[in-house]
Amino acid sequence: MARHSHALALALIMLGASLAGCLGGDEPLDLSGWEGCSEGDPGVEPESCIDDQPSEQENNTSENTSVTETIEPELDNGTWEGMRVPNIEDQARSLGGTWQPWSLSNLLNATWNGTPDGVANGSDSPWVLIEFASTDCSHCWNAAEDMTTLHYDYSAQVTFLTFAVNFSSNDYFNASLEEIAAFQDQTSHSGCKNNSQDCASRPGEPHNWDYVDDRNQNWMYEFHSQGTPMFVILSPDGVVAWHQYQHDGGAGEDSESVVAALERFFSPIGGGQ
């Protein structure tokens, strides 16, 4: 019961962060009413981001025989649910490591064909959770502790990734690789949280998963992210299983936080227990 109470509280915290995140500037979705740090208007940032410093069947007939063959439909490439994401290649670092060439394909299982019956999701092949975050975003700062908790609960089933982004129109959202590493490692570096905090004081524990350099916002925009923190869950074959912007309570959509989505995919909690 305590575990479920903790999960409910955490879900409410993360939902609040997602609804009041620091905003970037992609066009596909209009989230202008969403309180957060708007890349397009850095001069009038909400106080919370400045002062609050977180099968198809085909009949193949030959001359002598008729064979019914199951053909798997080709998936579209893309970054919405049901699409297979393109391969991502950039530089990344593990906890305490150095920035190295990195490829998402090394984490995926191209032959994965669904979780077998009677087997828990993630126990046959790990899934992937992508977080888009900025070391200067106060909501990402606050969510860092929640990420520690989620990693503890689900790391046996899910590979965590944090894509560290900057906002090109905001001089405060301009982290260096050194700042990102310090945020990840929770070590001393001046400049986190709107250049107002030492990275060593951020909530949570050191993040023992890969951080990917997306400071140019390339993949942030590819995934339609307008703000941080923002989350996407991939199945082991690289198909988008859950996208935050398709569960934000808009027309025809449900309202499901990333915490609730992880519980749904991988319940019961306890990957790290």
Protein backbone atom coordinates (compact mmCIF):
# COMPACT_ATOMS: atom_id res chain seq x y z
CA MET A 1 0.00 0.00 0.00
CA ALA A 2 2.89 2.34 0.82
CA ARG A 3 4.40 1.63 -2.59
CA HIS A 4 1.16 2.56 -4.37
CA SER A 5 0.81 5.71 -2.26
CA HIS A 6 4.35 6.65 -3.20
CA ALA A 7 3.64 5.99 -6.89
CA LEU A 8 0.47 8.11 -6.77
CA ALA A 9 2.28 11.00 -5.12
CA LEU A 10 5.11 10.74 -7.61
CA ALA A 11 2.64 10.66 -10.51
CA LEU A 12 1.04 13.89 -9.29
CA ILE A 13 4.45 15.54 -8.95
CA MET A 14 5.58 14.51 -12.43
CA LEU A 15 2.23 15.47 -13.98
CA GLY A 16 2.60 18.89 -12.41
CA ALA A 17 6.09 19.21 -13.83
CA SER A 18 4.88 18.23 -17.29
CA LEU A 19 2.11 20.83 -17.16
CA ALA A 20 4.38 23.61 -16.01
CA GLY A 21 7.57 22.70 -17.84
CA CYS A 22 10.10 24.98 -19.49
CA LEU A 23 8.94 25.58 -23.03
CA GLY A 24 10.88 25.49 -26.27
CA GLY A 25 9.55 26.44 -29.71
CA ASP A 26 8.46 23.64 -32.07
CA GLU A 27 5.36 24.28 -34.21
CA PRO A 28 3.30 21.05 -34.49
CA LEU A 29 1.45 21.63 -31.21
CA ASP A 30 0.15 24.87 -29.77
CA LEU A 31 0.98 24.83 -26.09
CA SER A 32 1.11 28.61 -25.73
CA GLY A 33 -1.22 28.46 -22.74
CA TRP A 34 1.13 26.09 -20.94
CA GLU A 35 3.01 27.91 -18.20
CA GLY A 36 6.72 27.43 -18.63
CA CYS A 37 9.92 28.86 -20.06
CA SER A 38 9.14 29.85 -23.63
CA GLU A 39 12.11 29.87 -25.94
CA GLY A 40 10.35 32.31 -28.26
CA ASP A 41 9.83 34.94 -25.57
CA PRO A 42 12.70 34.84 -23.09
CA GLY A 43 12.02 38.35 -21.81
CA VAL A 44 8.78 37.43 -20.11
CA GLU A 45 9.54 34.06 -18.58
CA PRO A 46 7.14 32.81 -15.89
CA GLU A 47 8.52 33.32 -12.40
CA SER A 48 8.59 29.56 -11.84
CA CYS A 49 11.38 29.22 -14.42
CA ILE A 50 13.40 32.20 -13.21
CA ASP A 51 12.86 32.63 -9.50
CA ASP A 52 11.77 29.10 -8.58
CA GLN A 53 15.08 27.95 -9.62
CA PRO A 54 13.00 21.73 -11.55
CA SER A 55 -1.73 -8.68 -40.08
CA GLU A 56 -2.26 -8.00 -43.11
CA GLN A 57 -2.79 -11.30 -45.08
CA GLU A 58 -1.61 -11.76 -48.64
CA ASN A 59 -2.50 -14.72 -50.86
CA ASN A 60 0.49 -15.78 -52.94
CA THR A 61 -0.62 -18.21 -55.62
CA SER A 62 1.96 -20.11 -57.64
CA GLU A 63 1.29 -22.46 -60.53
CA ASN A 64 0.90 -25.53 -58.37
CA THR A 65 0.00 -24.30 -54.89
CA SER A 66 -1.70 -21.56 -52.93
CA VAL A 67 0.06 -20.27 -49.84
CA THR A 68 -1.28 -17.84 -47.28
CA GLU A 69 1.59 -15.81 -45.86
CA THR A 70 1.43 -13.38 -42.97
CA ILE A 71 3.10 -10.13 -43.96
CA GLU A 72 3.95 -7.68 -41.22
CA PRO A 73 2.93 -4.15 -42.29
CA GLU A 74 5.79 -1.74 -42.73
CA LEU A 75 5.92 0.85 -39.98
CA ASP A 76 6.33 4.49 -40.86
CA ASN A 77 9.50 6.12 -39.64
CA GLY A 78 8.82 8.95 -37.26
CA THR A 79 8.54 9.97 -33.64
CA TRP A 80 4.82 9.68 -32.85
CA GLU A 81 3.26 6.59 -31.30
CA GLY A 82 3.35 3.53 -33.54
CA MET A 83 6.25 4.88 -35.61
CA ARG A 84 9.81 3.54 -35.66
CA VAL A 85 12.25 6.22 -34.64
CA PRO A 86 15.21 7.00 -36.90
CA ASN A 87 18.60 6.01 -35.61
CA ILE A 88 20.08 8.68 -33.37
CA GLU A 89 23.81 9.22 -33.44
CA ASP A 90 25.47 11.85 -31.30
CA GLN A 91 27.84 12.05 -28.37
CA ALA A 92 26.89 10.83 -24.94
CA ARG A 93 28.44 10.07 -21.59
CA SER A 94 27.77 7.65 -18.76
CA LEU A 95 27.97 8.61 -15.10
CA GLY A 96 31.49 9.82 -14.37
CA GLY A 97 32.57 9.15 -17.96
CA THR A 98 33.70 11.20 -20.94
CA TRP A 99 31.73 12.29 -24.00
CA GLN A 100 31.92 9.54 -26.62
CA PRO A 101 30.28 8.76 -29.99
CA TRP A 102 26.95 7.11 -29.28
CA SER A 103 24.18 5.40 -31.25
CA LEU A 104 20.64 4.54 -30.16
CA SER A 105 20.73 1.42 -32.34
CA ASN A 106 23.13 -0.20 -29.87
CA LEU A 107 20.34 -0.20 -27.28
CA LEU A 108 17.62 -1.65 -29.50
CA ASN A 109 16.66 -5.18 -30.53
CA ALA A 110 15.71 -5.09 -34.21
CA THR A 111 14.38 -8.67 -34.10
CA TRP A 112 12.07 -8.07 -31.12
CA ASN A 113 8.53 -9.06 -32.05
CA GLY A 114 6.55 -8.28 -28.93
CA THR A 115 6.76 -9.51 -25.36
CA PRO A 116 6.05 -13.27 -25.21
CA ASP A 117 2.96 -14.45 -23.38
CA GLY A 118 3.53 -14.89 -19.68
CA VAL A 119 6.62 -12.70 -19.69
CA ALA A 120 6.77 -9.25 -18.15
CA ASN A 121 7.56 -6.30 -20.38
CA GLY A 122 11.24 -5.48 -20.29
CA SER A 123 12.37 -8.83 -18.95
CA ASP A 124 13.13 -10.22 -22.42
CA SER A 125 14.52 -7.00 -23.93
CA PRO A 126 14.77 -3.60 -22.23
CA TRP A 127 12.53 -0.72 -23.26
CA VAL A 128 13.81 2.86 -23.47
CA LEU A 129 12.69 5.99 -21.64
CA ILE A 130 13.84 9.27 -23.20
CA GLU A 131 13.73 12.45 -21.14
CA PHE A 132 14.36 15.83 -22.77
CA ALA A 133 15.77 18.12 -20.10
CA SER A 134 17.73 21.32 -19.60
CA THR A 135 20.18 21.79 -16.77
CA ASP A 136 18.90 25.38 -16.52
CA CYS A 137 15.20 24.51 -16.37
CA SER A 138 13.88 24.78 -12.81
CA HIS A 139 11.30 22.04 -13.46
CA CYS A 140 14.03 19.66 -14.68
CA TRP A 141 16.03 20.58 -11.58
CA ASN A 142 13.09 19.64 -9.37
CA ALA A 143 12.31 16.50 -11.40
CA ALA A 144 15.88 15.22 -11.03
CA GLU A 145 14.97 13.54 -7.75
CA ASP A 146 11.88 11.95 -9.33
CA MET A 147 14.10 10.60 -12.10
CA THR A 148 16.34 9.03 -9.47
CA THR A 149 13.29 7.28 -7.99
CA LEU A 150 11.96 6.12 -11.36
CA HIS A 151 15.36 4.74 -12.30
CA TYR A 152 15.51 2.82 -9.04
CA ASP A 153 12.07 1.34 -9.70
CA TYR A 154 12.40 0.49 -13.40
CA SER A 155 16.07 0.22 -14.39
CA ALA A 156 15.87 -3.57 -14.65
CA GLN A 157 13.27 -3.22 -17.40
CA VAL A 158 13.95 0.17 -18.94
CA THR A 159 17.06 1.88 -20.27
CA PHE A 160 16.98 5.53 -19.24
CA LEU A 161 18.31 8.33 -21.46
CA THR A 162 18.41 12.06 -20.81
CA PHE A 163 18.77 14.29 -23.87
CA ALA A 164 20.31 17.53 -22.59
CA VAL A 165 19.04 20.53 -24.56
CA ASN A 166 19.61 24.28 -24.68
CA PHE A 167 17.09 26.94 -25.73
CA SER A 168 18.66 28.92 -28.56
CA SER A 169 16.80 32.17 -27.78
CA ASN A 170 17.46 32.22 -24.04
CA ASP A 171 20.91 33.17 -22.82
CA TYR A 172 20.32 31.40 -19.51
CA PHE A 173 19.63 28.05 -21.19
CA ASN A 174 23.10 27.64 -22.64
CA ALA A 175 24.76 24.76 -20.80
CA SER A 176 28.23 23.60 -21.73
CA LEU A 177 29.20 19.93 -21.82
CA GLU A 178 30.95 20.53 -18.50
CA GLU A 179 27.73 21.83 -16.94
CA ILE A 180 25.72 18.89 -18.26
CA ALA A 181 28.27 16.44 -16.88
CA ALA A 182 28.20 18.16 -13.49
CA PHE A 183 24.39 18.06 -13.44
CA GLN A 184 24.46 14.34 -14.26
CA ASP A 185 27.23 13.53 -11.77
CA GLN A 186 25.93 15.97 -9.14
CA THR A 187 29.35 17.57 -8.81
CA SER A 188 30.40 21.16 -8.31
CA HIS A 189 29.96 23.50 -11.28
CA SER A 190 28.52 26.98 -11.21
CA GLY A 191 25.69 27.67 -13.65
CA CYS A 192 22.88 25.16 -13.25
CA LYS A 193 19.24 26.22 -12.81
CA ASN A 194 19.24 29.49 -14.73
CA ASN A 195 22.89 30.06 -13.87
CA SER A 196 21.88 30.46 -10.23
CA GLN A 197 22.93 27.19 -8.54
CA ASP A 198 25.92 24.95 -8.16
CA CYS A 199 25.12 21.68 -9.95
CA ALA A 200 26.25 19.72 -6.89
CA SER A 201 23.20 20.94 -4.98
CA ARG A 202 20.56 19.60 -7.35
CA PRO A 203 17.94 17.25 -5.85
CA GLY A 204 18.22 13.48 -6.10
CA GLU A 205 21.31 11.37 -6.58
CA PRO A 206 23.88 11.10 -9.39
CA HIS A 207 22.13 9.88 -12.53
CA ASN A 208 23.55 6.49 -13.45
CA TRP A 209 22.36 6.44 -17.07
CA ASP A 210 23.53 7.98 -20.35
CA TYR A 211 23.16 11.70 -21.03
CA VAL A 212 23.03 12.57 -24.75
CA ASP A 213 24.23 15.91 -26.14
CA ASP A 214 21.23 17.57 -27.82
CA ARG A 215 22.19 21.16 -27.12
CA ASN A 216 21.37 22.12 -30.71
CA GLN A 217 17.79 20.83 -30.11
CA ASN A 218 17.90 18.61 -33.20
CA TRP A 219 16.25 15.59 -31.55
CA MET A 220 14.12 17.73 -29.28
CA TYR A 221 12.42 19.10 -32.40
CA GLU A 222 12.33 15.70 -34.12
CA PHE A 223 10.29 14.43 -31.19
CA HIS A 224 8.05 17.54 -31.36
CA SER A 225 9.10 18.65 -27.91
CA GLN A 226 8.26 22.24 -27.06
CA GLY A 227 9.47 22.16 -23.50
CA THR A 228 11.29 20.40 -20.73
CA PRO A 229 11.02 17.99 -19.07
CA MET A 230 9.31 15.93 -21.77
CA PHE A 231 9.16 12.13 -22.05
CA VAL A 232 8.90 9.37 -24.68
CA ILE A 233 8.87 5.59 -24.16
CA LEU A 234 10.19 3.23 -26.87
CA SER A 235 9.58 -0.50 -27.15
CA PRO A 236 12.73 -2.64 -27.57
CA ASP A 237 12.55 -2.45 -31.38
CA GLY A 238 12.61 1.35 -31.42
CA VAL A 239 8.90 1.95 -31.94
CA VAL A 240 7.31 4.80 -29.99
CA ALA A 241 5.03 3.14 -27.43
CA TRP A 242 4.10 6.30 -25.52
CA HIS A 243 4.53 10.01 -26.30
CA GLN A 244 3.76 12.60 -23.66
CA TYR A 245 2.05 14.97 -26.10
CA GLN A 246 -0.43 12.25 -27.08
CA HIS A 247 -1.54 11.82 -23.48
CA ASP A 248 -1.88 15.40 -22.29
CA GLY A 249 -5.68 15.51 -22.16
CA GLY A 250 -6.22 17.15 -25.53
CA ALA A 251 -9.15 16.38 -27.83
CA GLY A 252 -9.55 12.61 -28.10
CA GLU A 253 -6.63 11.99 -25.76
CA ASP A 254 -6.34 10.69 -22.22
CA SER A 255 -4.39 12.31 -19.43
CA GLU A 256 -1.57 9.98 -18.45
CA SER A 257 1.67 11.01 -16.81
CA VAL A 258 4.94 9.29 -17.55
CA VAL A 259 4.77 7.73 -14.08
CA ALA A 260 1.34 6.23 -14.82
CA ALA A 261 2.56 5.02 -18.23
CA LEU A 262 5.53 3.25 -16.65
CA GLU A 263 3.23 1.61 -14.13
CA ARG A 264 0.92 0.48 -16.91
CA PHE A 265 3.72 -1.01 -19.02
CA PHE A 266 5.81 -2.49 -16.23
CA SER A 267 3.61 -2.93 -13.16
CA PRO A 268 4.19 -4.01 -10.52
CA ILE A 269 6.87 -1.52 -9.59
CA GLY A 270 10.10 -2.94 -8.34
CA GLY A 271 12.63 -3.20 -11.16
CA GLY A 272 15.34 -1.99 -8.85
CA GLN A 273 14.12 -3.72 -5.71
